[in-house]
C-alpha cells in the first residue's frame, strides 16, 4: 500500500513539474511584449518614416517650390511643421500631395499618417479624426485700399458696402453687396480699381498679397465666427502621436520658429509667384 501511495505521489510531482515547465515555455515563446503605443506610432516607428498628407496650392501654408530643380518640391509653413515632427520622432519625412477633399479619407484609410494643410478642427471633422492643438490662428479679416485704411473701425462700417467674393461677408455684414469673382486675384483687381470696397481674406494668407500690392492695406477688423485656427489631423486612437505633435507645436511657438516660418514662407511664396 505504501509503495502504491509513493508511486502516485511521485507521478503527481512529475506531472506538476511537466505542466509548470510547459506553461513556462509557452509564455516565453509567446508573441512580442505588450506595448502601450498606438497602432499609428508602431507603424511610424517600424517603417522609419512619417507619411504626411497635404494639399499644395494654399500659400504660404503649402505650395510648389518653383526654385527646386524638378519644380515638384512642396514647401510652406505646414511643411516646416511636418519636418519638425518627423525630426522629433526620429524618422524620415514623406510628403503626399493630394486634393484637400481627399485628405481626411486618406487619413482614415491609412494612406497617410497625419494630415497638415491649414485644416480647421471643425466639430464635423472631429467625428472621424482627432486634432492636435492649434499651431496658427488664421482669422478672417478684410483688405482695403491703403487710402481707406483709417476709414473702417468695425465690421458694421462695411454695412451695405461692395464686398468681393466670400459667403462669410454676406452672413456678418448687413446688406453686403457681394460681388462674385472666381479668383482672389480678380477680387484684388476690383478692389484696386474701386469696384469693390473690401475683400475678405485669411490674415496669414493675406500677408502675401500685401507684399505685392503696396496700394492695399489690412484692417484690424475680424469676422466673429473664429474657425479655431489650423491644426494637425490624426487618426482616432493615436493619443501618443498627438502628444508628440503638441510638444513640437509648443516648442516652436515658444522659440519663435512658427512666426519665423510665416514670414519666410510668405516671402518665398511671393517670389515663387513671380517666376
Protein backbone atom coordinates (compact mmCIF):
# COMPACT_ATOMS: atom_id res chain seq x y z
CA UNK A 1 0.00 0.00 0.00
CA UNK A 2 2.86 2.36 0.88
CA UNK A 3 4.53 1.60 -2.43
CA UNK A 4 1.34 2.44 -4.32
CA UNK A 5 0.91 5.71 -2.42
CA UNK A 6 4.52 6.64 -3.03
CA UNK A 7 4.19 5.91 -6.73
CA UNK A 8 1.06 8.04 -7.00
CA UNK A 9 2.74 10.97 -5.22
CA UNK A 10 5.85 10.67 -7.35
CA UNK A 11 3.77 10.66 -10.51
CA UNK A 12 1.84 13.72 -9.38
CA UNK A 13 5.05 15.64 -8.69
CA UNK A 14 6.50 14.74 -12.09
CA UNK A 15 3.25 15.71 -13.83
CA UNK A 16 3.20 19.00 -11.97
CA UNK A 17 6.77 19.73 -12.99
CA UNK A 18 5.95 18.90 -16.60
CA UNK A 19 2.90 21.17 -16.60
CA UNK A 20 4.83 24.00 -14.96
CA UNK A 21 7.63 23.63 -17.45
CA UNK A 22 5.15 23.55 -20.30
CA UNK A 23 3.49 26.77 -19.11
CA UNK A 24 6.83 28.47 -18.80
CA UNK A 25 7.85 27.56 -22.34
CA UNK A 26 4.51 28.70 -23.71
CA UNK A 27 4.88 32.08 -22.02
CA UNK A 28 8.46 32.67 -23.14
CA UNK A 29 7.65 31.69 -26.69
CA UNK A 30 4.58 33.94 -27.00
CA UNK A 31 4.24 36.99 -29.25
CA UNK A 32 6.17 40.23 -28.71
CA UNK A 33 5.85 42.04 -25.36
CA UNK A 34 2.80 44.16 -24.78
CA UNK A 35 3.10 47.84 -25.71
CA UNK A 36 1.03 50.87 -24.85
CA UNK A 37 1.90 52.53 -28.16
CA UNK A 38 -0.91 53.23 -30.61
CA UNK A 39 -1.09 51.38 -33.91
CA UNK A 40 -0.07 54.58 -35.69
CA UNK A 41 3.03 55.10 -33.54
CA UNK A 42 4.06 51.48 -34.10
CA UNK A 43 3.58 51.90 -37.86
CA UNK A 44 5.69 55.07 -37.96
CA UNK A 45 8.50 53.50 -35.96
CA UNK A 46 8.53 50.23 -37.87
CA UNK A 47 8.54 51.95 -41.28
CA UNK A 48 11.04 54.57 -40.19
CA UNK A 49 9.07 57.34 -41.86
CA UNK A 50 6.22 59.77 -41.29
CA UNK A 51 3.86 60.00 -44.26
CA UNK A 52 2.16 63.38 -44.32
CA UNK A 53 -0.79 64.34 -46.48
CA UNK A 54 -1.09 67.93 -47.69
CA UNK A 55 -2.75 69.90 -50.47
CA UNK A 56 -0.38 72.30 -52.22
CA UNK A 57 -1.84 75.47 -53.66
CA UNK A 58 -2.59 77.36 -50.45
CA UNK A 59 0.44 79.59 -49.92
CA UNK A 60 2.09 80.34 -47.58
CA UNK A 61 0.84 77.18 -45.81
CA UNK A 62 1.87 74.87 -48.68
CA UNK A 63 2.91 75.49 -52.27
CA UNK A 64 5.11 74.12 -55.04
CA UNK A 65 8.65 75.44 -54.76
CA UNK A 66 9.48 76.58 -58.28
CA UNK A 67 13.09 77.21 -57.27
CA UNK A 68 13.63 73.46 -56.78
CA UNK A 69 15.42 71.64 -59.61
CA UNK A 70 12.44 69.46 -60.52
CA UNK A 71 9.81 72.04 -59.60
CA UNK A 72 7.91 69.40 -57.62
CA UNK A 73 9.14 70.07 -54.10
CA UNK A 74 6.46 71.31 -51.73
CA UNK A 75 7.34 73.97 -49.17
CA UNK A 76 5.43 76.13 -46.76
CA UNK A 77 4.59 76.69 -43.10
CA UNK A 78 2.92 73.30 -42.83
CA UNK A 79 5.90 71.52 -44.35
CA UNK A 80 8.25 73.15 -41.83
CA UNK A 81 5.99 71.89 -39.06
CA UNK A 82 5.90 68.39 -40.57
CA UNK A 83 9.70 68.37 -40.78
CA UNK A 84 9.91 69.28 -37.09
CA UNK A 85 7.50 66.48 -36.14
CA UNK A 86 9.45 63.90 -38.17
CA UNK A 87 12.69 65.05 -36.54
CA UNK A 88 11.14 64.73 -33.08
CA UNK A 89 10.04 61.18 -33.91
CA UNK A 90 13.46 60.37 -35.35
CA UNK A 91 12.11 59.25 -38.72
CA UNK A 92 12.22 60.34 -42.36
CA UNK A 93 9.52 62.58 -43.82
CA UNK A 94 7.45 61.64 -46.86
CA UNK A 95 5.00 64.15 -48.34
CA UNK A 96 1.91 63.04 -50.24
CA UNK A 97 0.30 65.86 -52.25
CA UNK A 98 -3.42 65.49 -52.95
CA UNK A 99 -6.66 67.45 -53.12
CA UNK A 100 -7.88 68.97 -49.89
CA UNK A 101 -11.08 66.92 -50.17
CA UNK A 102 -9.04 63.69 -50.12
CA UNK A 103 -7.02 64.44 -47.00
CA UNK A 104 -9.28 63.10 -44.27
CA UNK A 105 -10.35 60.00 -46.20
CA UNK A 106 -6.67 59.22 -46.90
CA UNK A 107 -6.07 59.57 -43.17
CA UNK A 108 -8.85 57.20 -42.12
CA UNK A 109 -7.84 54.58 -44.70
CA UNK A 110 -4.18 54.67 -43.66
CA UNK A 111 -2.75 56.11 -46.87
CA UNK A 112 -1.15 58.87 -44.81
CA UNK A 113 -0.19 59.00 -41.14
CA UNK A 114 -1.14 62.62 -40.43
CA UNK A 115 -2.59 65.50 -42.46
CA UNK A 116 -1.15 69.02 -42.32
CA UNK A 117 -2.86 71.52 -44.61
CA UNK A 118 -4.23 74.51 -42.68
CA UNK A 119 -7.11 72.29 -41.55
CA UNK A 120 -9.74 73.84 -39.29
CA UNK A 121 -10.74 71.42 -36.49
CA UNK A 122 -14.50 71.66 -37.02
CA UNK A 123 -16.97 69.60 -35.00
CA UNK A 124 -17.96 67.71 -38.14
CA UNK A 125 -14.36 66.70 -38.87
CA UNK A 126 -13.82 65.67 -35.24
CA UNK A 127 -16.34 62.87 -35.79
CA UNK A 128 -13.86 60.96 -37.95
CA UNK A 129 -10.40 62.20 -36.89
CA UNK A 130 -8.67 63.79 -33.92
CA UNK A 131 -6.70 67.04 -33.90
CA UNK A 132 -3.60 68.48 -32.34
CA UNK A 133 -3.50 71.86 -30.64
CA UNK A 134 -3.85 74.83 -32.97
CA UNK A 135 -0.49 75.95 -34.36
CA UNK A 136 -1.71 79.05 -36.24
CA UNK A 137 -4.77 81.16 -35.60
CA UNK A 138 -5.68 82.39 -39.04
CA UNK A 139 -8.58 84.81 -38.63
CA UNK A 140 -10.74 86.22 -41.38
CA UNK A 141 -10.10 89.91 -41.95
CA UNK A 142 -10.60 92.45 -44.75
CA UNK A 143 -8.23 94.07 -47.21
CA UNK A 144 -8.98 97.63 -48.30
CA UNK A 145 -7.27 100.31 -50.37
CA UNK A 146 -4.46 101.97 -48.43
CA UNK A 147 -6.15 105.34 -48.79
CA UNK A 148 -9.12 103.91 -46.87
CA UNK A 149 -7.03 102.26 -44.13
CA UNK A 150 -8.28 104.52 -41.34
CA UNK A 151 -11.83 104.75 -42.62
CA UNK A 152 -13.15 101.50 -41.13
CA UNK A 153 -13.16 100.85 -37.39
CA UNK A 154 -15.65 97.98 -37.04
CA UNK A 155 -17.32 95.32 -39.14
CA UNK A 156 -20.52 97.38 -39.11
CA UNK A 157 -18.71 100.13 -41.04
CA UNK A 158 -18.90 97.82 -44.06
CA UNK A 159 -22.72 97.65 -43.95
CA UNK A 160 -24.12 97.95 -47.50
CA UNK A 161 -20.59 98.12 -48.95
CA UNK A 162 -19.47 96.17 -52.00
CA UNK A 163 -17.55 93.10 -50.85
CA UNK A 164 -15.53 90.95 -53.24
CA UNK A 165 -16.10 87.18 -53.01
CA UNK A 166 -16.85 85.36 -49.72
CA UNK A 167 -20.09 83.94 -48.37
CA UNK A 168 -18.88 84.89 -44.91
CA UNK A 169 -19.27 88.58 -45.65
CA UNK A 170 -22.90 88.10 -46.57
CA UNK A 171 -23.56 86.45 -43.20
CA UNK A 172 -21.97 89.10 -40.99
CA UNK A 173 -22.18 92.38 -42.87
CA UNK A 174 -25.63 93.91 -43.07
CA UNK A 175 -26.92 94.20 -46.64
CA UNK A 176 -23.47 93.48 -48.06
CA UNK A 177 -23.35 93.80 -51.83
CA UNK A 178 -21.50 90.62 -52.77
CA UNK A 179 -19.56 90.78 -56.00
CA UNK A 180 -18.90 87.16 -57.01
CA UNK A 181 -15.47 86.73 -58.57
CA UNK A 182 -13.72 83.45 -59.50
CA UNK A 183 -10.27 84.19 -58.05
CA UNK A 184 -8.74 86.26 -55.27
CA UNK A 185 -6.54 87.99 -57.86
CA UNK A 186 -9.69 89.17 -59.66
CA UNK A 187 -11.14 90.42 -56.39
CA UNK A 188 -7.97 92.36 -55.59
CA UNK A 189 -8.04 93.99 -59.01
CA UNK A 190 -11.64 95.05 -58.43
CA UNK A 191 -10.58 96.47 -55.06
CA UNK A 192 -7.66 98.42 -56.52
CA UNK A 193 -9.87 99.94 -59.21
CA UNK A 194 -12.60 100.91 -56.75
CA UNK A 195 -15.24 98.48 -57.99
CA UNK A 196 -15.46 96.84 -54.56
CA UNK A 197 -14.77 98.35 -51.14
CA UNK A 198 -13.14 95.36 -49.43
CA UNK A 199 -12.00 91.78 -49.95
CA UNK A 200 -12.18 89.23 -47.11
CA UNK A 201 -9.05 87.09 -46.68
CA UNK A 202 -7.49 84.88 -44.07
CA UNK A 203 -4.98 87.20 -42.39
CA UNK A 204 -1.95 84.90 -42.81
CA UNK A 205 -2.73 84.26 -46.47
CA UNK A 206 -3.45 87.95 -46.97
CA UNK A 207 0.09 88.85 -45.96
CA UNK A 208 1.48 87.72 -49.30
CA UNK A 209 -0.97 89.93 -51.21
CA UNK A 210 0.22 92.99 -49.31
CA UNK A 211 3.83 92.28 -50.30
CA UNK A 212 2.92 92.58 -53.97
CA UNK A 213 0.20 95.24 -53.67
CA UNK A 214 1.61 98.25 -51.87
CA UNK A 215 -1.60 100.21 -52.53
CA UNK A 216 -3.62 97.83 -50.32
CA UNK A 217 -3.82 97.54 -46.55
CA UNK A 218 -5.11 95.03 -44.00
CA UNK A 219 -7.63 96.16 -41.41
CA UNK A 220 -7.65 95.24 -37.73
CA UNK A 221 -11.23 94.08 -38.13
CA UNK A 222 -12.09 90.39 -37.91
CA UNK A 223 -15.17 88.32 -38.55
CA UNK A 224 -16.70 86.92 -35.39
CA UNK A 225 -17.03 83.24 -36.27
CA UNK A 226 -13.46 82.25 -35.49
CA UNK A 227 -12.51 78.98 -37.17
CA UNK A 228 -10.37 77.57 -34.37
CA UNK A 229 -7.18 78.02 -36.33
CA UNK A 230 -5.15 75.39 -38.13
CA UNK A 231 -4.41 72.03 -36.52
CA UNK A 232 -2.86 68.70 -37.50
CA UNK A 233 -5.35 65.91 -38.24
CA UNK A 234 -4.54 62.45 -36.86
CA UNK A 235 -6.41 59.11 -36.92
CA UNK A 236 -8.57 58.26 -33.91
CA UNK A 237 -6.90 56.44 -31.01
CA UNK A 238 -3.47 57.98 -31.65
CA UNK A 239 -3.05 59.98 -28.45
CA UNK A 240 0.70 59.31 -28.22
CA UNK A 241 1.28 60.74 -31.71
CA UNK A 242 -0.83 63.79 -30.89
CA UNK A 243 1.22 64.27 -27.71
CA UNK A 244 4.44 64.44 -29.76
CA UNK A 245 2.87 66.86 -32.27
CA UNK A 246 1.62 69.10 -29.46
CA UNK A 247 5.12 69.14 -27.93
CA UNK A 248 6.56 70.21 -31.30
CA UNK A 249 3.93 72.94 -31.66
CA UNK A 250 4.57 74.26 -28.14
CA UNK A 251 8.35 74.23 -28.61
CA UNK A 252 8.23 76.06 -31.94
CA UNK A 253 5.76 78.64 -30.68
CA UNK A 254 7.96 79.34 -27.67
CA UNK A 255 11.20 79.69 -29.65
CA UNK A 256 9.57 81.88 -32.31
CA UNK A 257 10.01 79.41 -35.17
CA UNK A 258 6.37 79.41 -36.24
CA UNK A 259 6.33 83.20 -36.56
CA UNK A 260 9.60 82.96 -38.49
CA UNK A 261 8.13 80.32 -40.82
CA UNK A 262 5.16 82.58 -41.53
CA UNK A 263 7.47 85.44 -42.58
CA UNK A 264 9.88 83.28 -44.55
CA UNK A 265 7.24 81.26 -46.37
CA UNK A 266 5.14 84.33 -47.17
CA UNK A 267 8.14 85.95 -48.87
CA UNK A 268 9.09 82.71 -50.61
CA UNK A 269 5.55 82.21 -51.91
CA UNK A 270 5.63 85.70 -53.39
CA UNK A 271 8.98 85.03 -55.08
CA UNK A 272 7.63 81.77 -56.46
CA UNK A 273 4.62 83.54 -57.90
CA UNK A 274 6.86 85.93 -59.81
CA UNK A 275 8.64 83.10 -61.69
